[in-house]
Amino acid sequence: MRYKKGSEVEVFCKDEVPSGSWRCGQVICGNGHHYTIRCIIGAKDEAIFERVSRKSIRPCPPVVHVSRSWMPGDVVEMLHNYSWKMATVSKVLKGNHFLVRLVGSSNEFKVHKFDIRLRQSWMDGKWIVVGKV
C-alpha cells in the first residue's frame, strides 16, 4: 500500500515491549518503499521523525465498538506512553476503568475504557480482528 503525504498511520516499534507497539504518526514524505513519519511522543506535542520501511507502517485501525464490556483475561491493546501495546485485562473496576497488565510485564495499570482497544491486524489490505469480540 502506498501512503500520501499527510496520511495518518501507525508505526511498529519492536523495541519497547516484547510484543512491540504501534505509535501514531503522520506521513511527511515517502517513495513507496520508505517513508518519513512524524510521531508525537510527549504531552507538549513533542515529535520525532522516523524513516521506516513500508512494512513497518499501517493505516490507523478503524474504531470497533465492542458489544460487551471487557472481562478479565481479554487480550487488548492499551495506550501507554503514546503507543498502543498488547495487554491483558486483569480486573474490571468501577467507573469504566480497568486494571490491565502489559504483556511481558508484571506491572498493572489503571486505565479508562477509552485507553483500551480491540486488537486488529492489517493483512492483505484488510483489517482483521485478533481475538474475540
Protein backbone atom coordinates (compact mmCIF):
# COMPACT_ATOMS: atom_id res chain seq x y z
CA MET A 1 0.00 0.00 0.00
CA ARG A 2 1.27 3.49 -0.83
CA TYR A 3 0.74 6.34 1.60
CA LYS A 4 0.31 10.01 0.69
CA LYS A 5 1.79 13.00 2.46
CA GLY A 6 -0.43 13.79 5.44
CA SER A 7 -1.82 10.24 5.83
CA GLU A 8 -2.41 9.18 9.42
CA VAL A 9 -0.63 5.89 10.10
CA GLU A 10 0.76 3.71 12.86
CA VAL A 11 4.44 2.76 13.05
CA PHE A 12 5.55 -0.55 14.52
CA CYS A 13 8.17 -0.20 17.28
CA LYS A 14 9.71 -3.56 18.12
CA ASP A 15 12.00 -2.44 20.93
CA GLU A 16 9.57 -1.06 23.54
CA VAL A 17 7.94 -4.25 24.86
CA PRO A 18 8.38 -7.94 23.96
CA SER A 19 5.41 -7.92 21.58
CA GLY A 20 6.19 -4.48 20.10
CA SER A 21 3.89 -1.47 20.00
CA TRP A 22 2.14 0.81 17.50
CA ARG A 23 2.86 4.55 17.60
CA CYS A 24 0.55 7.03 15.85
CA GLY A 25 2.11 9.25 13.22
CA GLN A 26 1.69 11.22 10.04
CA VAL A 27 3.42 10.67 6.71
CA ILE A 28 5.76 13.55 5.86
CA CYS A 29 7.12 12.06 2.63
CA GLY A 30 7.92 8.75 1.02
CA ASN A 31 8.72 6.89 -2.16
CA GLY A 32 6.55 3.78 -1.75
CA HIS A 33 9.35 1.77 -0.14
CA HIS A 34 10.43 4.03 2.74
CA TYR A 35 8.56 6.82 4.50
CA THR A 36 9.43 9.65 6.87
CA ILE A 37 6.87 9.69 9.67
CA ARG A 38 6.28 12.40 12.29
CA CYS A 39 5.28 10.79 15.62
CA ILE A 40 4.04 12.60 18.72
CA ILE A 41 5.91 11.39 21.80
CA GLY A 42 5.03 13.82 24.58
CA ALA A 43 2.26 15.75 26.23
CA LYS A 44 3.56 19.01 24.75
CA ASP A 45 3.30 17.69 21.18
CA GLU A 46 6.99 16.81 21.11
CA ALA A 47 7.67 14.99 17.87
CA ILE A 48 10.24 12.64 16.46
CA PHE A 49 10.81 11.91 12.82
CA GLU A 50 11.46 8.34 11.74
CA ARG A 51 12.41 6.92 8.38
CA VAL A 52 10.80 3.48 8.15
CA SER A 53 10.13 0.74 5.65
CA ARG A 54 6.58 0.49 4.33
CA LYS A 55 6.45 -2.93 6.04
CA SER A 56 6.64 -1.16 9.41
CA ILE A 57 3.61 1.08 8.91
CA ARG A 58 -0.09 0.56 8.52
CA PRO A 59 -3.16 2.78 8.27
CA CYS A 60 -4.81 3.68 11.58
CA PRO A 61 -7.26 0.93 12.52
CA PRO A 62 -10.98 1.69 12.48
CA VAL A 63 -12.82 2.05 15.77
CA VAL A 64 -14.63 -1.20 16.55
CA HIS A 65 -17.41 -0.96 19.09
CA VAL A 66 -17.33 -3.92 21.43
CA SER A 67 -20.83 -5.18 22.18
CA ARG A 68 -19.91 -6.09 25.75
CA SER A 69 -17.57 -4.82 28.41
CA TRP A 70 -14.04 -6.12 28.72
CA MET A 71 -13.59 -9.09 31.04
CA PRO A 72 -10.57 -10.39 32.97
CA GLY A 73 -8.37 -12.41 30.63
CA ASP A 74 -9.28 -10.43 27.50
CA VAL A 75 -6.24 -9.55 25.39
CA VAL A 76 -6.45 -5.92 24.25
CA GLU A 77 -4.24 -3.03 23.22
CA MET A 78 -3.66 -0.32 25.79
CA LEU A 79 -2.47 3.24 25.18
CA HIS A 80 0.71 3.63 27.23
CA ASN A 81 3.42 6.28 26.72
CA TYR A 82 1.87 7.37 23.40
CA SER A 83 1.93 3.85 21.92
CA TRP A 84 -0.62 1.05 21.66
CA LYS A 85 0.76 -2.05 23.42
CA MET A 86 -0.63 -5.53 23.91
CA ALA A 87 -2.06 -6.07 27.38
CA THR A 88 -4.36 -8.37 29.33
CA VAL A 89 -7.34 -7.18 31.36
CA SER A 90 -6.78 -8.21 34.99
CA LYS A 91 -9.80 -6.73 36.72
CA VAL A 92 -12.93 -4.71 35.99
CA LEU A 93 -13.17 -1.60 38.20
CA LYS A 94 -15.94 0.95 38.75
CA GLY A 95 -16.46 3.97 36.54
CA ASN A 96 -15.41 2.43 33.20
CA HIS A 97 -11.90 1.70 34.49
CA PHE A 98 -9.88 -1.49 34.28
CA LEU A 99 -6.68 -2.93 35.67
CA VAL A 100 -4.55 -4.15 32.77
CA ARG A 101 -1.11 -5.76 32.60
CA LEU A 102 1.24 -5.20 29.71
CA VAL A 103 2.26 -8.48 28.08
CA GLY A 104 5.76 -9.34 29.27
CA SER A 105 5.48 -7.17 32.39
CA SER A 106 4.26 -7.70 35.94
CA ASN A 107 3.13 -4.07 36.24
CA GLU A 108 -0.59 -3.34 36.30
CA PHE A 109 -2.11 -0.04 35.20
CA LYS A 110 -5.48 1.51 35.96
CA VAL A 111 -6.89 2.72 32.64
CA HIS A 112 -10.15 4.20 31.36
CA LYS A 113 -12.12 2.34 28.70
CA PHE A 114 -11.04 4.95 26.11
CA ASP A 115 -7.42 3.85 26.56
CA ILE A 116 -8.19 0.25 25.60
CA ARG A 117 -8.98 -1.01 22.11
CA LEU A 118 -9.66 -4.25 20.33
CA ARG A 119 -6.59 -5.86 18.76
CA GLN A 120 -6.62 -5.73 14.98
CA SER A 121 -4.14 -6.76 12.31
CA TRP A 122 -3.68 -5.26 8.82
CA MET A 123 -3.46 -8.17 6.38
CA ASP A 124 -3.75 -8.09 2.59
CA GLY A 125 -5.30 -4.61 2.65
CA LYS A 126 -7.99 -5.53 5.22
CA TRP A 127 -8.42 -5.19 8.96
CA ILE A 128 -8.77 -8.49 10.81
CA VAL A 129 -9.89 -8.69 14.44
CA VAL A 130 -7.39 -10.58 16.60
CA GLY A 131 -9.04 -12.38 19.49
CA LYS A 132 -12.67 -12.38 20.47
CA VAL A 133 -15.26 -9.63 20.03
